[in-house]
N, C-alpha and C. Protein backbone atom coordinates (compact mmCIF):
# COMPACT_ATOMS: atom_id res chain seq x y z
N MET A 1 9.75 30.68 31.51
CA MET A 1 9.74 29.35 31.20
C MET A 1 9.85 28.25 32.37
N GLY A 2 8.75 27.47 32.38
CA GLY A 2 8.55 26.59 33.54
C GLY A 2 9.59 25.38 33.52
N THR A 3 9.67 24.63 34.49
CA THR A 3 10.42 23.48 34.41
C THR A 3 9.72 22.00 34.15
N LEU A 4 10.08 21.41 33.20
CA LEU A 4 9.44 20.12 32.81
C LEU A 4 10.27 18.99 33.48
N SER A 5 9.50 17.99 33.47
CA SER A 5 10.11 16.75 34.20
C SER A 5 10.22 15.47 33.11
N THR A 6 11.09 14.71 33.29
CA THR A 6 11.05 13.38 32.30
C THR A 6 11.91 12.36 33.15
N SER A 7 11.88 11.25 32.70
CA SER A 7 12.54 10.08 33.42
C SER A 7 13.28 9.38 32.38
N PHE A 8 14.28 8.49 32.83
CA PHE A 8 14.85 7.68 31.94
C PHE A 8 15.45 6.37 32.77
N ARG A 9 15.75 5.54 31.92
CA ARG A 9 16.30 4.17 32.51
C ARG A 9 17.72 4.08 32.34
N THR A 10 18.41 3.66 33.30
CA THR A 10 19.91 3.44 33.15
C THR A 10 20.29 2.32 34.28
N SER A 11 21.53 1.73 33.98
CA SER A 11 21.96 0.82 34.92
C SER A 11 22.42 1.25 36.03
N PRO A 12 22.38 0.49 37.26
CA PRO A 12 22.85 0.78 38.49
C PRO A 12 24.10 1.43 38.52
N GLU A 13 25.20 0.93 37.59
CA GLU A 13 26.66 1.37 37.48
C GLU A 13 26.54 2.79 37.05
N THR A 14 25.76 3.28 36.14
CA THR A 14 25.62 4.51 35.56
C THR A 14 25.20 5.47 36.67
N LEU A 15 24.01 4.93 37.34
CA LEU A 15 23.64 5.81 38.40
C LEU A 15 24.70 6.03 39.46
N SER A 16 25.20 5.10 39.77
CA SER A 16 26.35 5.06 40.69
C SER A 16 27.48 6.28 40.34
N SER A 17 27.94 6.03 39.01
CA SER A 17 28.79 6.97 38.49
C SER A 17 28.44 8.45 38.49
N LEU A 18 27.01 8.64 38.24
CA LEU A 18 26.31 9.94 38.31
C LEU A 18 26.38 10.44 39.64
N ASP A 19 26.19 9.86 40.77
CA ASP A 19 25.98 10.01 42.05
C ASP A 19 27.58 10.56 42.60
N ILE A 20 28.48 9.65 42.00
CA ILE A 20 29.99 9.97 42.34
C ILE A 20 30.43 11.51 41.92
N ILE A 21 30.09 11.54 40.65
CA ILE A 21 30.34 12.81 40.06
C ILE A 21 29.62 14.08 40.79
N ALA A 22 28.33 13.75 41.00
CA ALA A 22 27.68 14.92 41.55
C ALA A 22 28.26 15.24 43.04
N LYS A 23 28.69 14.14 43.63
CA LYS A 23 29.31 14.23 45.16
C LYS A 23 30.51 14.95 44.94
N ASP A 24 31.48 14.65 43.97
CA ASP A 24 32.70 15.30 43.75
C ASP A 24 32.57 16.72 43.25
N LEU A 25 31.45 17.07 42.73
CA LEU A 25 31.18 18.52 42.15
C LEU A 25 30.52 19.31 43.27
N GLY A 26 30.05 18.54 44.39
CA GLY A 26 29.21 19.29 45.28
C GLY A 26 27.81 19.64 44.59
N ARG A 27 27.38 18.88 43.73
CA ARG A 27 26.06 19.42 43.10
C ARG A 27 24.94 18.02 43.12
N SER A 28 23.95 18.33 42.84
CA SER A 28 22.87 17.27 42.68
C SER A 28 23.13 16.50 41.65
N ARG A 29 22.36 15.20 41.67
CA ARG A 29 22.32 14.23 40.46
C ARG A 29 21.59 15.15 39.21
N ASN A 30 20.59 15.74 39.60
CA ASN A 30 19.66 16.45 38.62
C ASN A 30 20.59 17.47 37.93
N TRP A 31 21.41 18.22 38.54
CA TRP A 31 22.27 19.28 38.06
C TRP A 31 23.23 18.59 37.15
N VAL A 32 23.84 17.46 37.46
CA VAL A 32 24.84 16.69 36.64
C VAL A 32 24.04 16.25 35.37
N LEU A 33 22.88 15.78 35.43
CA LEU A 33 22.23 15.39 34.39
C LEU A 33 21.83 16.45 33.44
N ASN A 34 21.38 17.63 33.89
CA ASN A 34 21.05 18.73 33.16
C ASN A 34 22.35 19.05 32.42
N LYS A 35 23.46 19.26 33.07
CA LYS A 35 24.64 19.67 32.55
C LYS A 35 25.17 18.62 31.45
N ALA A 36 25.00 17.46 31.59
CA ALA A 36 25.43 16.48 30.56
C ALA A 36 24.48 16.73 29.22
N VAL A 37 23.18 16.79 29.42
CA VAL A 37 22.46 16.91 28.40
C VAL A 37 22.65 18.23 27.69
N GLN A 38 22.79 19.34 28.32
CA GLN A 38 23.07 20.66 27.84
C GLN A 38 24.42 20.60 26.91
N ASP A 39 25.48 19.84 27.55
CA ASP A 39 26.59 19.76 26.62
C ASP A 39 26.72 18.80 25.59
N PHE A 40 25.76 17.94 25.62
CA PHE A 40 25.53 17.08 24.49
C PHE A 40 24.80 17.77 23.26
N LEU A 41 23.79 18.60 23.75
CA LEU A 41 23.03 19.49 22.81
C LEU A 41 23.98 20.29 22.15
N GLU A 42 24.93 21.07 22.85
CA GLU A 42 25.70 22.06 22.40
C GLU A 42 26.72 21.20 21.40
N HIS A 43 27.29 20.24 21.57
CA HIS A 43 28.13 19.44 20.85
C HIS A 43 27.44 19.11 19.53
N GLN A 44 26.22 18.67 19.54
CA GLN A 44 25.58 18.20 18.38
C GLN A 44 25.32 19.41 17.48
N ALA A 45 24.96 20.47 18.01
CA ALA A 45 24.68 21.69 17.23
C ALA A 45 25.85 21.99 16.46
N TRP A 46 27.21 22.04 17.36
CA TRP A 46 28.40 22.48 16.73
C TRP A 46 28.80 21.55 15.70
N PHE A 47 28.52 20.19 15.81
CA PHE A 47 28.88 19.10 14.99
C PHE A 47 28.01 19.31 13.62
N LYS A 48 26.91 19.54 13.72
CA LYS A 48 26.00 19.90 12.60
C LYS A 48 26.52 20.94 11.83
N GLN A 49 26.79 22.06 12.48
CA GLN A 49 27.21 23.30 11.82
C GLN A 49 28.59 22.92 10.96
N GLN A 50 29.53 22.31 11.73
CA GLN A 50 30.71 21.86 11.14
C GLN A 50 30.54 21.03 9.67
N VAL A 51 29.45 20.02 9.89
CA VAL A 51 29.37 19.22 8.65
C VAL A 51 28.62 20.16 7.70
N GLN A 52 27.85 20.86 7.92
CA GLN A 52 27.18 21.90 6.82
C GLN A 52 28.24 22.69 6.24
N GLU A 53 29.36 23.12 7.17
CA GLU A 53 30.19 24.10 6.56
C GLU A 53 31.13 23.16 5.59
N GLY A 54 31.34 21.85 5.93
CA GLY A 54 32.19 21.01 5.06
C GLY A 54 31.61 20.79 3.81
N ILE A 55 30.21 20.42 3.94
CA ILE A 55 29.38 20.23 2.60
C ILE A 55 29.52 21.35 1.68
N LYS A 56 29.30 22.55 2.25
CA LYS A 56 29.05 23.81 1.49
C LYS A 56 30.64 23.91 0.93
N ALA A 57 31.65 23.79 1.59
CA ALA A 57 32.98 23.76 1.06
C ALA A 57 33.23 22.96 -0.11
N ALA A 58 32.78 21.65 0.10
CA ALA A 58 32.98 20.54 -0.97
C ALA A 58 32.04 20.97 -2.26
N ASP A 59 30.79 21.48 -1.92
CA ASP A 59 29.87 21.87 -3.18
C ASP A 59 30.77 23.07 -3.83
N ASN A 60 31.46 23.93 -3.23
CA ASN A 60 32.16 24.96 -3.91
C ASN A 60 33.52 24.59 -4.53
N GLY A 61 33.70 23.29 -4.46
CA GLY A 61 35.04 22.83 -4.76
C GLY A 61 36.45 23.03 -3.99
N GLU A 62 36.08 23.38 -2.82
CA GLU A 62 37.20 23.66 -1.92
C GLU A 62 37.80 22.33 -1.24
N PHE A 63 38.75 21.88 -1.75
CA PHE A 63 39.29 20.68 -1.45
C PHE A 63 40.79 20.87 -1.04
N ALA A 64 41.40 20.14 -0.15
CA ALA A 64 42.69 20.30 0.12
C ALA A 64 43.53 19.62 -1.15
N THR A 65 44.62 20.10 -1.39
CA THR A 65 45.69 19.64 -2.56
C THR A 65 46.12 18.37 -2.18
N GLU A 66 46.75 17.61 -3.09
CA GLU A 66 47.24 16.37 -2.73
C GLU A 66 48.61 16.69 -1.95
N GLU A 67 49.19 17.63 -2.24
CA GLU A 67 50.40 18.23 -1.51
C GLU A 67 50.16 18.39 0.03
N GLU A 68 48.88 19.02 0.31
CA GLU A 68 48.46 19.39 1.74
C GLU A 68 48.06 18.15 2.33
N MET A 69 47.50 17.12 1.69
CA MET A 69 47.12 16.02 2.29
C MET A 69 48.35 15.08 2.53
N THR A 70 49.41 14.91 1.77
CA THR A 70 50.48 14.23 1.94
C THR A 70 51.39 14.86 3.06
N LYS A 71 51.33 16.22 3.26
CA LYS A 71 51.99 16.68 4.45
C LYS A 71 51.27 16.48 5.81
N LEU A 72 49.91 16.57 5.64
CA LEU A 72 49.23 16.08 6.86
C LEU A 72 49.38 14.86 7.28
N PHE A 73 49.30 13.88 6.37
CA PHE A 73 49.39 12.45 6.71
C PHE A 73 50.96 12.15 7.12
N SER A 74 51.93 12.81 6.56
CA SER A 74 53.21 12.59 7.21
C SER A 74 53.33 13.10 8.59
N LYS A 75 52.80 14.32 8.75
CA LYS A 75 52.90 14.91 10.20
C LYS A 75 52.51 13.84 11.28
N PHE A 76 51.37 13.02 10.92
CA PHE A 76 50.87 11.85 11.89
C PHE A 76 51.27 10.53 11.76
N GLY A 77 52.32 10.39 10.80
CA GLY A 77 52.90 9.11 10.44
C GLY A 77 52.05 8.16 9.67
N ALA A 78 51.07 8.69 9.02
CA ALA A 78 50.35 7.63 8.04
C ALA A 78 50.97 7.67 6.81
């Protein structure tokens, strides 16, 4: 598979932050951008899967009991 190119617009502050991260990692700006996009895509795929699993569980009537929810809320002080 070949390499494709794209461009995007960003603020000077964002570009400066990218360059600092790239320098700190000993990587290129291009590498940092590709890593950020890949991480974002992986997170979105994971999130979508989690939502689909939650919807499926709800459709199957799989809900936490009132006791389980009370215990959870108490654990976090709510």
